[in-house]
C-alpha atoms as a PDB file:
ATOM      1  CA  ILE A   1      87.961  85.186 104.301  1.00  0.00           C
ATOM      2  CA  THR A   2      91.597  84.235 103.761  1.00  0.00           C
ATOM      3  CA  GLY A   3      93.970  81.971 105.630  1.00  0.00           C
ATOM      4  CA  THR A   4      95.094  78.378 105.687  1.00  0.00           C
ATOM      5  CA  GLY A   5      92.479  75.764 104.892  1.00  0.00           C
ATOM      6  CA  GLY A   6      91.869  75.097 108.586  1.00  0.00           C
ATOM      7  CA  GLN A   7      91.591  78.791 109.431  1.00  0.00           C
ATOM      8  CA  VAL A   8      89.077  79.417 106.650  1.00  0.00           C
ATOM      9  CA  VAL A   9      86.995  76.378 107.625  1.00  0.00           C
ATOM     10  CA  SER A  10      86.991  77.557 111.251  1.00  0.00           C
ATOM     11  CA  ALA A  11      85.890  81.086 110.281  1.00  0.00           C
ATOM     12  CA  VAL A  12      83.175  79.795 107.922  1.00  0.00           C
ATOM     13  CA  SER A  13      81.900  77.491 110.670  1.00  0.00           C
ATOM     14  CA  LYS A  14      81.713  80.376 113.147  1.00  0.00           C
ATOM     15  CA  ILE A  15      79.909  82.622 110.627  1.00  0.00           C
ATOM     16  CA  ASN A  16      77.424  79.819 109.971  1.00  0.00           C
ATOM     17  CA  ALA A  17      76.856  79.552 113.741  1.00  0.00           C
ATOM     18  CA  ILE A  18      76.081  83.300 113.881  1.00  0.00           C
ATOM     19  CA  LEU A  19      73.655  82.967 110.962  1.00  0.00           C
ATOM     20  CA  GLN A  20      71.985  79.935 112.567  1.00  0.00           C
ATOM     21  CA  ASP A  21      71.577  81.832 115.848  1.00  0.00           C
ATOM     22  CA  LEU A  22      69.987  84.740 113.972  1.00  0.00           C
ATOM     23  CA  ALA A  23      67.629  82.347 112.170  1.00  0.00           C
ATOM     24  CA  ASP A  24      66.708  80.629 115.446  1.00  0.00           C
ATOM     25  CA  ARG A  25      65.813  84.025 116.938  1.00  0.00           C
ATOM     26  CA  GLY A  26      63.665  84.902 113.911  1.00  0.00           C
ATOM     27  CA  LYS A  27      65.940  87.691 112.672  1.00  0.00           C
ATOM     28  CA  LEU A  28      66.594  86.010 109.317  1.00  0.00           C
ATOM     29  CA  GLN A  29      63.846  85.287 106.836  1.00  0.00           C
ATOM     30  CA  PRO A  30      63.839  83.094 103.713  1.00  0.00           C
ATOM     31  CA  SER A  31      63.882  86.286 101.635  1.00  0.00           C
ATOM     32  CA  ASP A  32      67.344  87.066 103.069  1.00  0.00           C
ATOM     33  CA  PHE A  33      68.685  84.144 101.025  1.00  0.00           C
ATOM     34  CA  ARG A  34      67.069  84.731  97.658  1.00  0.00           C
ATOM     35  CA  TRP A  35      68.799  84.467  94.297  1.00  0.00           C
ATOM     36  CA  ARG A  36      70.362  87.704  93.071  1.00  0.00           C
ATOM     37  CA  PRO A  37      69.708  88.519  89.386  1.00  0.00           C
ATOM     38  CA  GLY A  38      72.873  89.038  87.360  1.00  0.00           C
ATOM     39  CA  VAL A  39      75.012  86.929  89.690  1.00  0.00           C
ATOM     40  CA  GLN A  40      76.073  83.541  88.416  1.00  0.00           C
ATOM     41  CA  GLN A  41      75.332  80.667  90.766  1.00  0.00           C
ATOM     42  CA  GLY A  42      79.013  79.662  91.058  1.00  0.00           C
ATOM     43  CA  SER A  43      80.164  83.215  91.743  1.00  0.00           C
ATOM     44  CA  MET A  44      78.077  83.421  94.937  1.00  0.00           C
ATOM     45  CA  MET A  45      80.743  81.340  96.655  1.00  0.00           C
ATOM     46  CA  GLY A  46      83.529  83.371  95.065  1.00  0.00           C
ATOM     47  CA  GLY A  47      86.391  80.992  94.547  1.00  0.00           C
ATOM     48  CA  MET A  48      84.976  77.944  96.260  1.00  0.00           C
ATOM     49  CA  ASN A  49      85.142  76.162  92.893  1.00  0.00           C
ATOM     50  CA  GLU A  50      88.889  76.735  92.811  1.00  0.00           C
ATOM     51  CA  PRO A  51      91.245  74.134  94.254  1.00  0.00           C
ATOM     52  CA  MET A  52      92.563  74.759  97.749  1.00  0.00           C
ATOM     53  CA  GLY A  53      95.574  77.049  97.549  1.00  0.00           C
ATOM     54  CA  GLY A  54      94.464  79.299  94.707  1.00  0.00           C
ATOM     55  CA  PRO A  55      93.206  79.464  91.161  1.00  0.00           C
ATOM     56  CA  ARG A  56      93.732  76.617  88.740  1.00  0.00           C
ATOM     57  CA  GLY A  57      97.224  76.552  87.301  1.00  0.00           C
ATOM     58  CA  MET A  58      98.867  78.011  90.396  1.00  0.00           C
ATOM     59  CA  ALA A  59     100.749  75.636  92.651  1.00  0.00           C
ATOM     60  CA  PRO A  60     100.414  76.295  96.389  1.00  0.00           C
ATOM     61  CA  GLN A  61     103.521  77.833  97.923  1.00  0.00           C
ATOM     62  CA  GLY A  62     105.132  76.187 100.939  1.00  0.00           C
ATOM     63  CA  GLY A  63     103.604  73.616 103.241  1.00  0.00           C
ATOM     64  CA  ASN A  64     100.759  75.810 104.456  1.00  0.00           C
ATOM     65  CA  PRO A  65      98.860  77.043 101.380  1.00  0.00           C
ATOM     66  CA  ARG A  66      96.520  80.022 101.623  1.00  0.00           C
ATOM     67  CA  THR A  67      92.932  79.706 100.499  1.00  0.00           C
ATOM     68  CA  HIS A  68      89.835  81.862 100.554  1.00  0.00           C
ATOM     69  CA  ALA A  69      86.064  81.800 100.801  1.00  0.00           C
ATOM     70  CA  LYS A  70      83.452  84.446 100.081  1.00  0.00           C
ATOM     71  CA  PHE A  71      80.055  85.057 101.690  1.00  0.00           C
ATOM     72  CA  VAL A  72      77.548  87.322  99.958  1.00  0.00           C
ATOM     73  CA  VAL A  73      75.059  88.681 102.493  1.00  0.00           C
ATOM     74  CA  ALA A  74      72.685  91.627 102.823  1.00  0.00           C
ATOM     75  CA  THR A  75      74.027  94.763 104.499  1.00  0.00           C
ATOM     76  CA  GLN A  76      71.964  94.154 107.651  1.00  0.00           C
ATOM     77  CA  VAL A  77      73.244  90.568 107.909  1.00  0.00           C
ATOM     78  CA  ALA A  78      76.823  91.826 107.471  1.00  0.00           C
ATOM     79  CA  GLY A  79      76.193  94.173 110.393  1.00  0.00           C
ATOM     80  CA  TRP A  80      75.119  91.242 112.566  1.00  0.00           C
ATOM     81  CA  ILE A  81      78.234  89.276 111.572  1.00  0.00           C
ATOM     82  CA  ILE A  82      80.446  92.285 112.367  1.00  0.00           C
ATOM     83  CA  GLY A  83      78.676  92.834 115.690  1.00  0.00           C
ATOM     84  CA  LYS A  84      78.484  95.824 117.988  1.00  0.00           C
ATOM     85  CA  GLN A  85      81.717  97.849 117.673  1.00  0.00           C
ATOM     86  CA  GLY A  86      83.191  95.005 115.571  1.00  0.00           C
ATOM     87  CA  ARG A  87      83.112  92.518 118.448  1.00  0.00           C
ATOM     88  CA  HIS A  88      81.934  89.458 116.492  1.00  0.00           C
ATOM     89  CA  ILE A  89      84.282  89.878 113.554  1.00  0.00           C
ATOM     90  CA  ARG A  90      87.237  90.594 115.852  1.00  0.00           C
ATOM     91  CA  GLU A  91      86.497  87.405 117.818  1.00  0.00           C
ATOM     92  CA  LEU A  92      86.104  85.455 114.571  1.00  0.00           C
ATOM     93  CA  GLN A  93      89.530  86.579 113.390  1.00  0.00           C
ATOM     94  CA  GLU A  94      91.217  85.970 116.743  1.00  0.00           C
ATOM     95  CA  ASN A  95      89.674  82.523 117.269  1.00  0.00           C
ATOM     96  CA  SER A  96      90.089  81.243 113.706  1.00  0.00           C
ATOM     97  CA  GLY A  97      93.345  82.931 112.720  1.00  0.00           C
ATOM     98  CA  ALA A  98      91.790  83.847 109.354  1.00  0.00           C
ATOM     99  CA  HIS A  99      91.624  87.367 107.910  1.00  0.00           C
ATOM    100  CA  ILE A 100      88.073  88.553 107.269  1.00  0.00           C
ATOM    101  CA  GLN A 101      87.439  91.516 104.987  1.00  0.00           C
ATOM    102  CA  VAL A 102      83.961  93.045 104.621  1.00  0.00           C
ATOM    103  CA  LEU A 103      83.265  94.794 101.330  1.00  0.00           C
ATOM    104  CA  LYS A 104      80.324  96.713  99.939  1.00  0.00           C
ATOM    105  CA  GLU A 105      78.843  95.416  96.708  1.00  0.00           C
ATOM    106  CA  GLY A 106      81.150  96.250  93.809  1.00  0.00           C
ATOM    107  CA  GLU A 107      84.264  96.882  95.939  1.00  0.00           C
ATOM    108  CA  VAL A 108      87.403  94.979  95.012  1.00  0.00           C
ATOM    109  CA  PRO A 109      89.287  93.116  97.768  1.00  0.00           C
ATOM    110  CA  LEU A 110      92.816  94.268  98.593  1.00  0.00           C
END
Protein backbone atom coordinates (compact mmCIF):
# COMPACT_ATOMS: atom_id res chain seq x y z
CA ILE A 1 0.00 0.00 0.00
CA THR A 2 1.57 3.30 -1.03
CA GLY A 3 0.39 6.88 -0.83
CA THR A 4 0.48 9.83 1.51
CA GLY A 5 0.30 9.07 5.21
CA GLY A 6 -3.44 9.78 5.28
CA GLN A 7 -4.12 7.65 2.22
CA VAL A 8 -2.21 4.69 3.63
CA VAL A 9 -3.93 4.98 7.02
CA SER A 10 -7.32 5.11 5.27
CA ALA A 11 -6.54 2.01 3.17
CA VAL A 12 -5.19 0.08 6.17
CA SER A 13 -8.32 0.98 8.15
CA LYS A 14 -10.57 -0.26 5.34
CA ILE A 15 -8.60 -3.52 5.00
CA ASN A 16 -8.89 -4.04 8.76
CA ALA A 17 -12.66 -3.51 8.46
CA ILE A 18 -12.83 -6.22 5.77
CA LEU A 19 -10.81 -8.60 7.95
CA GLN A 20 -13.00 -7.84 10.98
CA ASP A 21 -16.15 -8.52 8.93
CA LEU A 22 -14.69 -11.85 7.79
CA ALA A 23 -13.82 -12.75 11.39
CA ASP A 24 -17.31 -11.78 12.58
CA ARG A 25 -18.82 -14.09 9.95
CA GLY A 26 -16.54 -16.96 11.02
CA LYS A 27 -14.52 -17.02 7.79
CA LEU A 28 -11.22 -16.29 9.55
CA GLN A 29 -9.74 -18.60 12.14
CA PRO A 30 -6.89 -18.04 14.61
CA SER A 31 -4.73 -20.29 12.42
CA ASP A 32 -4.99 -17.67 9.64
CA PHE A 33 -2.80 -15.40 11.77
CA ARG A 34 -0.06 -17.75 12.87
CA TRP A 35 3.65 -16.98 12.89
CA ARG A 36 5.47 -17.85 9.68
CA PRO A 37 8.82 -19.65 10.15
CA GLY A 38 11.73 -17.88 8.49
CA VAL A 39 10.05 -14.47 8.58
CA GLN A 40 11.40 -11.99 11.07
CA GLN A 41 8.79 -10.42 13.32
CA GLY A 42 9.57 -6.87 12.13
CA SER A 43 9.47 -7.83 8.46
CA MET A 44 5.81 -8.89 8.70
CA MET A 45 4.87 -5.22 8.63
CA GLY A 46 7.34 -4.52 5.83
CA GLY A 47 8.57 -1.01 6.38
CA MET A 48 6.35 -0.02 9.26
CA ASN A 49 9.50 0.39 11.36
CA GLU A 50 10.75 3.01 8.93
CA PRO A 51 9.95 6.67 9.50
CA MET A 52 7.06 8.13 7.53
CA GLY A 53 8.29 9.17 4.11
CA GLY A 54 10.78 6.38 3.46
CA PRO A 55 13.78 4.51 4.76
CA ARG A 56 16.09 6.01 7.34
CA GLY A 57 18.52 8.50 5.85
CA MET A 58 16.15 9.65 3.12
CA ALA A 59 14.45 12.99 3.58
CA PRO A 60 10.83 13.18 2.41
CA GLN A 61 10.40 15.10 -0.83
CA GLY A 62 7.93 17.98 -0.98
CA GLY A 63 5.14 18.74 1.44
CA ASN A 64 3.23 15.51 0.88
CA PRO A 65 5.65 12.62 1.54
CA ARG A 66 4.87 9.13 0.29
CA THR A 67 4.83 6.22 2.69
CA HIS A 68 3.95 2.55 2.55
CA ALA A 69 2.57 -0.35 4.54
CA LYS A 70 2.60 -4.08 3.91
CA PHE A 71 0.07 -6.77 4.86
CA VAL A 72 1.08 -10.42 4.70
CA VAL A 73 -2.01 -12.61 4.35
CA ALA A 74 -2.89 -16.09 3.12
CA THR A 75 -3.90 -16.44 -0.52
CA GLN A 76 -7.56 -17.04 0.39
CA VAL A 77 -7.61 -13.92 2.60
CA ALA A 78 -6.04 -11.90 -0.24
CA GLY A 79 -8.88 -13.09 -2.46
CA TRP A 80 -11.44 -11.79 0.04
CA ILE A 81 -9.65 -8.43 0.22
CA ILE A 82 -9.57 -8.21 -3.59
CA GLY A 83 -13.24 -9.19 -3.82
CA LYS A 84 -15.32 -10.54 -6.67
CA GLN A 85 -13.93 -9.20 -9.97
CA GLY A 86 -11.64 -6.88 -7.97
CA ARG A 87 -14.53 -4.89 -6.51
CA HIS A 88 -13.19 -4.52 -2.95
CA ILE A 89 -9.66 -3.54 -3.90
CA ARG A 90 -10.91 -1.10 -6.55
CA GLU A 91 -13.18 0.56 -3.97
CA LEU A 92 -10.32 0.64 -1.46
CA GLN A 93 -8.09 2.46 -3.94
CA GLU A 94 -10.80 4.88 -5.05
CA ASN A 95 -11.96 5.73 -1.52
CA SER A 96 -8.51 6.01 0.08
CA GLY A 97 -6.49 7.41 -2.82
CA ALA A 98 -3.71 4.91 -2.02
CA HIS A 99 -2.20 2.46 -4.51
CA ILE A 100 -2.61 -1.17 -3.46
CA GLN A 101 -0.47 -3.86 -5.07
CA VAL A 102 -1.09 -7.57 -4.40
CA LEU A 103 1.92 -9.84 -4.75
CA LYS A 104 2.45 -13.57 -4.47
CA GLU A 105 5.01 -14.72 -1.93
CA GLY A 106 8.51 -14.01 -3.20
CA GLU A 107 7.46 -11.43 -5.83
CA VAL A 108 9.20 -8.07 -5.73
CA PRO A 109 7.05 -4.91 -5.80
CA LEU A 110 7.40 -2.58 -8.79
